[in-house]
């Protein structure tokens, strides 16, 4: 649940061409020093063979980990019934009618909030269990630690929120919902951004 208040040249190719040019000049100087024909040396320096570094491809561990993050976020959005402009969970649990609207207690609906949060609980528990069997690649070690540290706390606060929704007290629901949201924003959402920068997680 979120709080709602021309062609660029490949730098590796450019580097490869530059290296090839440098080696071409060195070869030219060497052949001239050894008595080779100036014409041959000149040809070597003017027409170097570009060396383009191969683009690294993600390994299987990285691909599996990123796929897990993508699936988790899709399920979070589905649990919140969120789109690009609306978020049912934010409306009924936080009283936010839109991403820029201030909190309106009258919009909080404890029963509907409970429904959304029960689905969210399943999603977070699934993700935490999936992390136990999905090793993190070295480049995402810090993000993985954030997930493993924050998820249990978030789940605990989510269970507390679900319990409070049974009282029907809007102010209590809002307070518990803010505590739950605080477990995920900005630490978890920032880590999700780092693993999958193609998506803004908010």
C-alpha atoms as a PDB file:
ATOM      1  CA  UNK A   1       0.000   0.000   0.000  1.00  0.00           C
ATOM      2  CA  UNK A   2       1.500   3.340  -0.991  1.00  0.00           C
ATOM      3  CA  UNK A   3       1.020   6.699   0.694  1.00  0.00           C
ATOM      4  CA  UNK A   4      -0.843   9.004  -1.705  1.00  0.00           C
ATOM      5  CA  UNK A   5      -0.356  12.650  -0.375  1.00  0.00           C
ATOM      6  CA  UNK A   6      19.237  11.244 -31.336  1.00  0.00           C
ATOM      7  CA  UNK A   7      20.972   7.940 -30.493  1.00  0.00           C
ATOM      8  CA  UNK A   8      23.506   7.846 -27.701  1.00  0.00           C
ATOM      9  CA  UNK A   9      26.738   6.159 -28.603  1.00  0.00           C
ATOM     10  CA  UNK A  10      27.603   3.027 -26.631  1.00  0.00           C
ATOM     11  CA  UNK A  11      30.449   4.048 -24.261  1.00  0.00           C
ATOM     12  CA  UNK A  12      31.947   0.537 -24.407  1.00  0.00           C
ATOM     13  CA  UNK A  13      32.087   0.697 -28.190  1.00  0.00           C
ATOM     14  CA  UNK A  14      33.668   4.136 -28.056  1.00  0.00           C
ATOM     15  CA  UNK A  15      36.282   2.852 -25.581  1.00  0.00           C
ATOM     16  CA  UNK A  16      36.950  -0.173 -27.760  1.00  0.00           C
ATOM     17  CA  UNK A  17      37.530   1.964 -30.844  1.00  0.00           C
ATOM     18  CA  UNK A  18      39.822   4.281 -28.903  1.00  0.00           C
ATOM     19  CA  UNK A  19      41.924   1.345 -27.674  1.00  0.00           C
ATOM     20  CA  UNK A  20      42.132  -0.052 -31.187  1.00  0.00           C
ATOM     21  CA  UNK A  21      43.328   3.327 -32.484  1.00  0.00           C
ATOM     22  CA  UNK A  22      46.009   3.528 -29.814  1.00  0.00           C
ATOM     23  CA  UNK A  23      47.293   0.067 -30.666  1.00  0.00           C
ATOM     24  CA  UNK A  24      47.225   0.988 -34.364  1.00  0.00           C
ATOM     25  CA  UNK A  25      49.503   3.980 -33.747  1.00  0.00           C
ATOM     26  CA  UNK A  26      51.855   1.866 -31.615  1.00  0.00           C
ATOM     27  CA  UNK A  27      52.040  -0.798 -34.331  1.00  0.00           C
ATOM     28  CA  UNK A  28      52.771   1.888 -36.920  1.00  0.00           C
ATOM     29  CA  UNK A  29      55.647   3.297 -34.897  1.00  0.00           C
ATOM     30  CA  UNK A  30      57.034  -0.173 -34.288  1.00  0.00           C
ATOM     31  CA  UNK A  31      57.010  -1.197 -37.965  1.00  0.00           C
ATOM     32  CA  UNK A  32      58.647   2.072 -39.036  1.00  0.00           C
ATOM     33  CA  UNK A  33      61.385   1.614 -36.436  1.00  0.00           C
ATOM     34  CA  UNK A  34      62.010  -1.884 -37.800  1.00  0.00           C
ATOM     35  CA  UNK A  35      62.433  -0.600 -41.369  1.00  0.00           C
ATOM     36  CA  UNK A  36      59.007  -1.521 -42.737  1.00  0.00           C
ATOM     37  CA  UNK A  37      57.454   0.444 -45.582  1.00  0.00           C
ATOM     38  CA  UNK A  38      55.952   3.799 -44.459  1.00  0.00           C
ATOM     39  CA  UNK A  39      52.988   3.081 -46.701  1.00  0.00           C
ATOM     40  CA  UNK A  40      52.150  -0.114 -44.817  1.00  0.00           C
ATOM     41  CA  UNK A  41      52.605   1.586 -41.458  1.00  0.00           C
ATOM     42  CA  UNK A  42      50.375   4.480 -42.460  1.00  0.00           C
ATOM     43  CA  UNK A  43      47.678   2.103 -43.623  1.00  0.00           C
ATOM     44  CA  UNK A  44      47.747   0.294 -40.291  1.00  0.00           C
ATOM     45  CA  UNK A  45      47.328   3.491 -38.270  1.00  0.00           C
ATOM     46  CA  UNK A  46      44.588   4.937 -40.471  1.00  0.00           C
ATOM     47  CA  UNK A  47      42.421   1.832 -40.645  1.00  0.00           C
ATOM     48  CA  UNK A  48      42.475   0.054 -37.275  1.00  0.00           C
ATOM     49  CA  UNK A  49      40.150  -2.844 -36.663  1.00  0.00           C
ATOM     50  CA  UNK A  50      37.645  -1.750 -33.998  1.00  0.00           C
ATOM     51  CA  UNK A  51      37.483  -3.949 -30.932  1.00  0.00           C
ATOM     52  CA  UNK A  52      34.060  -3.876 -29.304  1.00  0.00           C
ATOM     53  CA  UNK A  53      33.773  -5.271 -25.801  1.00  0.00           C
ATOM     54  CA  UNK A  54      31.011  -7.840 -25.450  1.00  0.00           C
ATOM     55  CA  UNK A  55      28.010  -6.723 -23.436  1.00  0.00           C
ATOM     56  CA  UNK A  56      27.788  -8.718 -20.193  1.00  0.00           C
ATOM     57  CA  UNK A  57      24.639 -10.809 -19.941  1.00  0.00           C
ATOM     58  CA  UNK A  58      22.850 -11.337 -16.623  1.00  0.00           C
ATOM     59  CA  UNK A  59      23.558 -14.708 -15.054  1.00  0.00           C
ATOM     60  CA  UNK A  60      20.818 -17.138 -14.063  1.00  0.00           C
ATOM     61  CA  UNK A  61      20.917 -16.112 -10.403  1.00  0.00           C
ATOM     62  CA  UNK A  62      20.406 -12.443 -11.272  1.00  0.00           C
ATOM     63  CA  UNK A  63      17.596 -13.196 -13.704  1.00  0.00           C
ATOM     64  CA  UNK A  64      15.758 -15.326 -11.149  1.00  0.00           C
ATOM     65  CA  UNK A  65      16.137 -12.709  -8.420  1.00  0.00           C
ATOM     66  CA  UNK A  66      14.915  -9.829 -10.586  1.00  0.00           C
ATOM     67  CA  UNK A  67      11.987 -11.974 -11.746  1.00  0.00           C
ATOM     68  CA  UNK A  68      11.046 -12.557  -8.094  1.00  0.00           C
ATOM     69  CA  UNK A  69      11.070  -8.821  -7.392  1.00  0.00           C
ATOM     70  CA  UNK A  70       8.907  -8.133 -10.440  1.00  0.00           C
ATOM     71  CA  UNK A  71       6.377 -10.779  -9.412  1.00  0.00           C
ATOM     72  CA  UNK A  72       6.268  -9.498  -5.844  1.00  0.00           C
ATOM     73  CA  UNK A  73       5.485  -5.948  -6.925  1.00  0.00           C
ATOM     74  CA  UNK A  74       2.796  -7.080  -9.355  1.00  0.00           C
ATOM     75  CA  UNK A  75       1.135  -8.966  -6.501  1.00  0.00           C
ATOM     76  CA  UNK A  76       1.428  -5.994  -4.142  1.00  0.00           C
ATOM     77  CA  UNK A  77      -0.296  -3.767  -6.676  1.00  0.00           C
ATOM     78  CA  UNK A  78      -3.028  -6.343  -7.208  1.00  0.00           C
ATOM     79  CA  UNK A  79      -3.592  -6.671  -3.453  1.00  0.00           C
ATOM     80  CA  UNK A  80      -3.913  -2.881  -3.140  1.00  0.00           C
ATOM     81  CA  UNK A  81      -6.121  -2.748  -6.244  1.00  0.00           C
ATOM     82  CA  UNK A  82      -3.743  -0.063  -7.469  1.00  0.00           C
ATOM     83  CA  UNK A  83      -3.434   1.523 -10.889  1.00  0.00           C
ATOM     84  CA  UNK A  84      -1.435   4.451 -12.166  1.00  0.00           C
ATOM     85  CA  UNK A  85      -3.939   6.919 -10.713  1.00  0.00           C
ATOM     86  CA  UNK A  86      -5.875   5.076  -8.019  1.00  0.00           C
ATOM     87  CA  UNK A  87      -5.200   2.884  -5.009  1.00  0.00           C
ATOM     88  CA  UNK A  88      -8.119   1.320  -3.171  1.00  0.00           C
ATOM     89  CA  UNK A  89      -6.012   0.283  -0.173  1.00  0.00           C
ATOM     90  CA  UNK A  90      -4.691   3.817   0.286  1.00  0.00           C
ATOM     91  CA  UNK A  91      -8.221   5.185   0.128  1.00  0.00           C
ATOM     92  CA  UNK A  92      -9.874   2.811   2.601  1.00  0.00           C
ATOM     93  CA  UNK A  93      -6.931   2.447   5.020  1.00  0.00           C
ATOM     94  CA  UNK A  94      -5.265   5.874   4.832  1.00  0.00           C
ATOM     95  CA  UNK A  95      -8.108   8.092   3.669  1.00  0.00           C
ATOM     96  CA  UNK A  96      -6.240   9.290   0.583  1.00  0.00           C
ATOM     97  CA  UNK A  97      -8.554   9.923  -2.358  1.00  0.00           C
ATOM     98  CA  UNK A  98      -5.658  10.599  -4.732  1.00  0.00           C
ATOM     99  CA  UNK A  99      -1.847  10.704  -4.707  1.00  0.00           C
ATOM    100  CA  UNK A 100      -1.897  14.404  -3.798  1.00  0.00           C
ATOM    101  CA  UNK A 101      -4.958  14.510  -1.537  1.00  0.00           C
ATOM    102  CA  UNK A 102      -4.665  15.002   2.212  1.00  0.00           C
ATOM    103  CA  UNK A 103      -6.031  12.426   4.634  1.00  0.00           C
ATOM    104  CA  UNK A 104      -9.803  12.346   4.983  1.00  0.00           C
ATOM    105  CA  UNK A 105     -10.944  10.184   7.897  1.00  0.00           C
ATOM    106  CA  UNK A 106     -14.379   9.865   6.351  1.00  0.00           C
ATOM    107  CA  UNK A 107     -12.901   7.873   3.463  1.00  0.00           C
ATOM    108  CA  UNK A 108     -11.455   5.215   5.759  1.00  0.00           C
ATOM    109  CA  UNK A 109     -13.497   2.044   5.601  1.00  0.00           C
ATOM    110  CA  UNK A 110     -12.340  -0.482   8.198  1.00  0.00           C
ATOM    111  CA  UNK A 111     -14.133  -3.437   6.599  1.00  0.00           C
ATOM    112  CA  UNK A 112     -12.746  -2.796   3.117  1.00  0.00           C
ATOM    113  CA  UNK A 113      -9.316  -2.036   4.565  1.00  0.00           C
ATOM    114  CA  UNK A 114      -9.361  -5.409   6.282  1.00  0.00           C
ATOM    115  CA  UNK A 115     -10.212  -7.134   3.001  1.00  0.00           C
ATOM    116  CA  UNK A 116      -7.291  -5.508   1.194  1.00  0.00           C
ATOM    117  CA  UNK A 117      -4.841  -6.117   4.028  1.00  0.00           C
ATOM    118  CA  UNK A 118      -5.664  -9.824   4.311  1.00  0.00           C
ATOM    119  CA  UNK A 119      -4.647 -10.187   0.658  1.00  0.00           C
ATOM    120  CA  UNK A 120      -1.516  -8.078   1.253  1.00  0.00           C
ATOM    121  CA  UNK A 121      -0.559 -10.321   4.166  1.00  0.00           C
ATOM    122  CA  UNK A 122      -0.543 -13.352   1.890  1.00  0.00           C
ATOM    123  CA  UNK A 123       1.633 -11.517  -0.646  1.00  0.00           C
ATOM    124  CA  UNK A 124       4.250 -10.418   1.902  1.00  0.00           C
ATOM    125  CA  UNK A 125       4.399 -13.858   3.509  1.00  0.00           C
ATOM    126  CA  UNK A 126       4.828 -15.447   0.087  1.00  0.00           C
ATOM    127  CA  UNK A 127       7.690 -13.053  -0.740  1.00  0.00           C
ATOM    128  CA  UNK A 128       9.471 -13.641   2.570  1.00  0.00           C
ATOM    129  CA  UNK A 129       9.303 -17.404   2.034  1.00  0.00           C
ATOM    130  CA  UNK A 130      10.465 -17.061  -1.571  1.00  0.00           C
ATOM    131  CA  UNK A 131      13.541 -15.113  -0.432  1.00  0.00           C
ATOM    132  CA  UNK A 132      14.612 -18.130   1.620  1.00  0.00           C
ATOM    133  CA  UNK A 133      14.987 -20.225  -1.524  1.00  0.00           C
ATOM    134  CA  UNK A 134      16.106 -17.510  -3.944  1.00  0.00           C
ATOM    135  CA  UNK A 135      19.757 -16.512  -3.449  1.00  0.00           C
ATOM    136  CA  UNK A 136      20.599 -12.874  -4.040  1.00  0.00           C
ATOM    137  CA  UNK A 137      23.359 -12.050  -6.539  1.00  0.00           C
ATOM    138  CA  UNK A 138      26.304 -10.130  -5.030  1.00  0.00           C
ATOM    139  CA  UNK A 139      25.245  -6.806  -6.550  1.00  0.00           C
ATOM    140  CA  UNK A 140      21.924  -6.967  -4.685  1.00  0.00           C
ATOM    141  CA  UNK A 141      23.238  -8.112  -1.317  1.00  0.00           C
ATOM    142  CA  UNK A 142      22.374  -4.805   0.409  1.00  0.00           C
ATOM    143  CA  UNK A 143      18.849  -4.751  -1.019  1.00  0.00           C
ATOM    144  CA  UNK A 144      18.305  -8.378  -0.048  1.00  0.00           C
ATOM    145  CA  UNK A 145      19.268  -7.602   3.539  1.00  0.00           C
ATOM    146  CA  UNK A 146      16.734  -4.771   3.603  1.00  0.00           C
ATOM    147  CA  UNK A 147      13.977  -7.104   2.408  1.00  0.00           C
ATOM    148  CA  UNK A 148      14.831  -9.759   4.986  1.00  0.00           C
ATOM    149  CA  UNK A 149      15.020  -7.199   7.798  1.00  0.00           C
ATOM    150  CA  UNK A 150      11.947  -5.138   6.981  1.00  0.00           C
ATOM    151  CA  UNK A 151       9.471  -7.792   5.841  1.00  0.00           C
ATOM    152  CA  UNK A 152       9.037  -9.470   9.266  1.00  0.00           C
ATOM    153  CA  UNK A 153       8.428  -6.079  10.899  1.00  0.00           C
ATOM    154  CA  UNK A 154       6.030  -5.088   8.153  1.00  0.00           C
ATOM    155  CA  UNK A 155       4.119  -8.343   8.499  1.00  0.00           C
ATOM    156  CA  UNK A 156       3.844  -7.865  12.271  1.00  0.00           C
ATOM    157  CA  UNK A 157       2.461  -4.340  11.852  1.00  0.00           C
ATOM    158  CA  UNK A 158       0.145  -5.529   9.095  1.00  0.00           C
ATOM    159  CA  UNK A 159      -1.325  -8.174  11.406  1.00  0.00           C
ATOM    160  CA  UNK A 160      -1.853  -5.467  14.021  1.00  0.00           C
ATOM    161  CA  UNK A 161      -3.650  -3.326  11.440  1.00  0.00           C
ATOM    162  CA  UNK A 162      -5.888  -6.230  10.442  1.00  0.00           C
ATOM    163  CA  UNK A 163      -6.786  -6.766  14.094  1.00  0.00           C
ATOM    164  CA  UNK A 164      -7.601  -3.079  14.616  1.00  0.00           C
ATOM    165  CA  UNK A 165      -9.912  -2.972  11.599  1.00  0.00           C
ATOM    166  CA  UNK A 166     -12.356  -5.146  13.556  1.00  0.00           C
ATOM    167  CA  UNK A 167     -12.988  -2.223  15.932  1.00  0.00           C
ATOM    168  CA  UNK A 168     -14.240   0.074  13.175  1.00  0.00           C
ATOM    169  CA  UNK A 169     -12.343   2.990  14.737  1.00  0.00           C
ATOM    170  CA  UNK A 170     -11.175   5.132  11.808  1.00  0.00           C
ATOM    171  CA  UNK A 171      -8.481   7.005  13.754  1.00  0.00           C
ATOM    172  CA  UNK A 172      -7.034   3.746  15.088  1.00  0.00           C
ATOM    173  CA  UNK A 173      -7.072   2.227  11.608  1.00  0.00           C
ATOM    174  CA  UNK A 174      -5.223   5.245  10.217  1.00  0.00           C
ATOM    175  CA  UNK A 175      -2.574   5.109  12.934  1.00  0.00           C
ATOM    176  CA  UNK A 176      -1.967   1.390  12.409  1.00  0.00           C
ATOM    177  CA  UNK A 177      -1.920   1.815   8.625  1.00  0.00           C
ATOM    178  CA  UNK A 178       0.719   4.543   8.863  1.00  0.00           C
ATOM    179  CA  UNK A 179       2.896   2.271  11.012  1.00  0.00           C
ATOM    180  CA  UNK A 180       2.574  -0.499   8.434  1.00  0.00           C
ATOM    181  CA  UNK A 181       3.376   1.817   5.519  1.00  0.00           C
ATOM    182  CA  UNK A 182       6.396   3.160   7.402  1.00  0.00           C
ATOM    183  CA  UNK A 183       7.929  -0.323   7.417  1.00  0.00           C
ATOM    184  CA  UNK A 184       8.098  -0.285   3.621  1.00  0.00           C
ATOM    185  CA  UNK A 185       8.604   3.354   2.594  1.00  0.00           C
ATOM    186  CA  UNK A 186      11.219   4.385   1.727  1.00  0.00           C
ATOM    187  CA  UNK A 187      13.611   1.530   2.591  1.00  0.00           C
ATOM    188  CA  UNK A 188      11.903  -1.423   0.917  1.00  0.00           C
ATOM    189  CA  UNK A 189      10.560   0.569  -2.029  1.00  0.00           C
ATOM    190  CA  UNK A 190      13.999   2.097  -2.567  1.00  0.00           C
ATOM    191  CA  UNK A 191      15.581  -1.366  -2.591  1.00  0.00           C
ATOM    192  CA  UNK A 192      12.957  -2.520  -5.089  1.00  0.00           C
ATOM    193  CA  UNK A 193      13.892   0.449  -7.288  1.00  0.00           C
ATOM    194  CA  UNK A 194      17.545  -0.601  -7.183  1.00  0.00           C
ATOM    195  CA  UNK A 195      16.831  -4.190  -8.201  1.00  0.00           C
ATOM    196  CA  UNK A 196      14.278  -3.292 -10.873  1.00  0.00           C
ATOM    197  CA  UNK A 197      14.927   0.324 -11.956  1.00  0.00           C
ATOM    198  CA  UNK A 198      12.495  -0.024 -14.855  1.00  0.00           C
ATOM    199  CA  UNK A 199       9.641   0.393 -12.350  1.00  0.00           C
ATOM    200  CA  UNK A 200       9.032   3.180  -9.821  1.00  0.00           C
ATOM    201  CA  UNK A 201       7.850   1.448  -6.661  1.00  0.00           C
ATOM    202  CA  UNK A 202       5.636   3.857  -4.748  1.00  0.00           C
END
